[in-house]
Amino acid sequence: MNDSPLQVLTLPTSPYPDQRPGTNGLRKKTHVFQSKKNYLHNFIQCIFSSIDLRDRQGSTVVVGGDGRYFNSTAIQVIVQMAAANG
């Protein structure tokens, strides 16, 4: 993926012990996602990392939302991280 027009950044981070998704994903208040550094990014990367690299590269990811506050921002982060993950 060296010919990608996107600049891929690797950021050091630490896990958050309260990130335990249920059947509906990670149910937290918007404030939690906005106030804790890389909170959303950590969760999204965990999802991508759980899929074998050979299976995720070139695959299609479908992202949906209900249009509430922060939804657009979260989708932008997810799309960027999906591109960075191939």
Protein backbone atom coordinates (compact mmCIF):
# COMPACT_ATOMS: atom_id res chain seq x y z
CA MET A 1 0.00 0.00 0.00
CA ASN A 2 2.96 2.34 -0.48
CA ASP A 3 1.33 3.88 -3.58
CA SER A 4 -1.64 5.13 -1.53
CA PRO A 5 -2.35 8.88 -1.75
CA LEU A 6 -3.33 8.82 1.93
CA GLN A 7 -0.83 9.48 4.65
CA VAL A 8 -1.11 6.68 7.21
CA LEU A 9 -0.22 7.65 10.77
CA THR A 10 0.62 5.19 13.50
CA LEU A 11 -0.17 6.58 16.94
CA PRO A 12 0.83 5.04 20.26
CA THR A 13 -2.16 4.50 22.52
CA SER A 14 -3.32 2.59 25.57
CA PRO A 15 -6.39 0.40 26.02
CA TYR A 16 -9.45 1.62 27.89
CA PRO A 17 -10.74 -1.03 30.33
CA ASP A 18 -14.36 0.10 29.88
CA GLN A 19 -14.41 -0.75 26.17
CA ARG A 20 -16.45 -3.92 26.33
CA PRO A 21 -18.89 -4.10 23.44
CA GLY A 22 -22.18 -5.93 23.66
CA THR A 23 -24.53 -7.09 20.95
CA ASN A 24 -25.23 -3.47 19.98
CA GLY A 25 -21.57 -2.46 19.80
CA LEU A 26 -19.99 -0.08 22.25
CA ARG A 27 -22.79 1.75 24.04
CA LYS A 28 -21.37 4.89 25.62
CA LYS A 29 -22.44 8.51 25.93
CA THR A 30 -21.13 10.81 23.20
CA HIS A 31 -19.18 12.73 25.82
CA VAL A 32 -17.06 9.63 26.50
CA PHE A 33 -16.07 9.34 22.84
CA GLN A 34 -15.22 13.04 22.66
CA SER A 35 -13.42 13.48 25.99
CA LYS A 36 -11.12 10.43 26.07
CA LYS A 37 -8.20 10.68 23.68
CA ASN A 38 -8.40 8.15 20.81
CA TYR A 39 -11.37 6.39 22.43
CA LEU A 40 -13.23 5.89 19.15
CA HIS A 41 -10.01 5.17 17.26
CA ASN A 42 -9.00 2.44 19.73
CA PHE A 43 -12.36 0.72 19.42
CA ILE A 44 -12.43 0.87 15.62
CA GLN A 45 -8.85 -0.40 15.33
CA CYS A 46 -9.70 -3.34 17.59
CA ILE A 47 -12.46 -4.31 15.20
CA PHE A 48 -10.15 -4.10 12.18
CA SER A 49 -7.36 -5.93 14.00
CA SER A 50 -9.70 -8.80 14.85
CA ILE A 51 -10.05 -9.54 11.12
CA ASP A 52 -7.11 -11.29 9.47
CA LEU A 53 -5.15 -8.89 7.27
CA ARG A 54 -5.65 -11.07 4.18
CA ASP A 55 -9.42 -11.03 4.73
CA ARG A 56 -9.76 -7.30 5.35
CA GLN A 57 -7.62 -5.94 2.51
CA GLY A 58 -9.73 -5.17 -0.53
CA SER A 59 -12.96 -5.97 1.34
CA THR A 60 -16.07 -3.84 1.62
CA VAL A 61 -17.05 -2.27 4.92
CA VAL A 62 -20.61 -1.05 5.43
CA VAL A 63 -21.03 1.74 7.98
CA GLY A 64 -24.44 2.84 9.15
CA GLY A 65 -25.77 5.26 11.68
CA ASP A 66 -28.91 6.91 12.91
CA GLY A 67 -27.91 10.51 12.22
CA ARG A 68 -27.55 11.62 15.81
CA TYR A 69 -24.92 14.02 17.06
CA PHE A 70 -21.30 12.84 16.49
CA ASN A 71 -22.49 10.24 13.96
CA SER A 72 -20.97 12.07 10.99
CA THR A 73 -17.65 12.54 12.78
CA ALA A 74 -17.53 8.88 13.80
CA ILE A 75 -18.26 7.73 10.25
CA GLN A 76 -15.44 9.92 8.88
CA VAL A 77 -13.00 8.37 11.37
CA ILE A 78 -14.19 4.85 10.52
CA VAL A 79 -13.81 5.43 6.77
CA GLN A 80 -10.31 6.89 7.19
CA MET A 81 -9.24 4.02 9.42
CA ALA A 82 -10.73 1.49 7.00
CA ALA A 83 -8.68 3.00 4.18
CA ALA A 84 -5.54 2.93 6.34
CA ASN A 85 -6.19 -0.74 7.09
CA GLY A 86 -6.50 -1.62 3.43
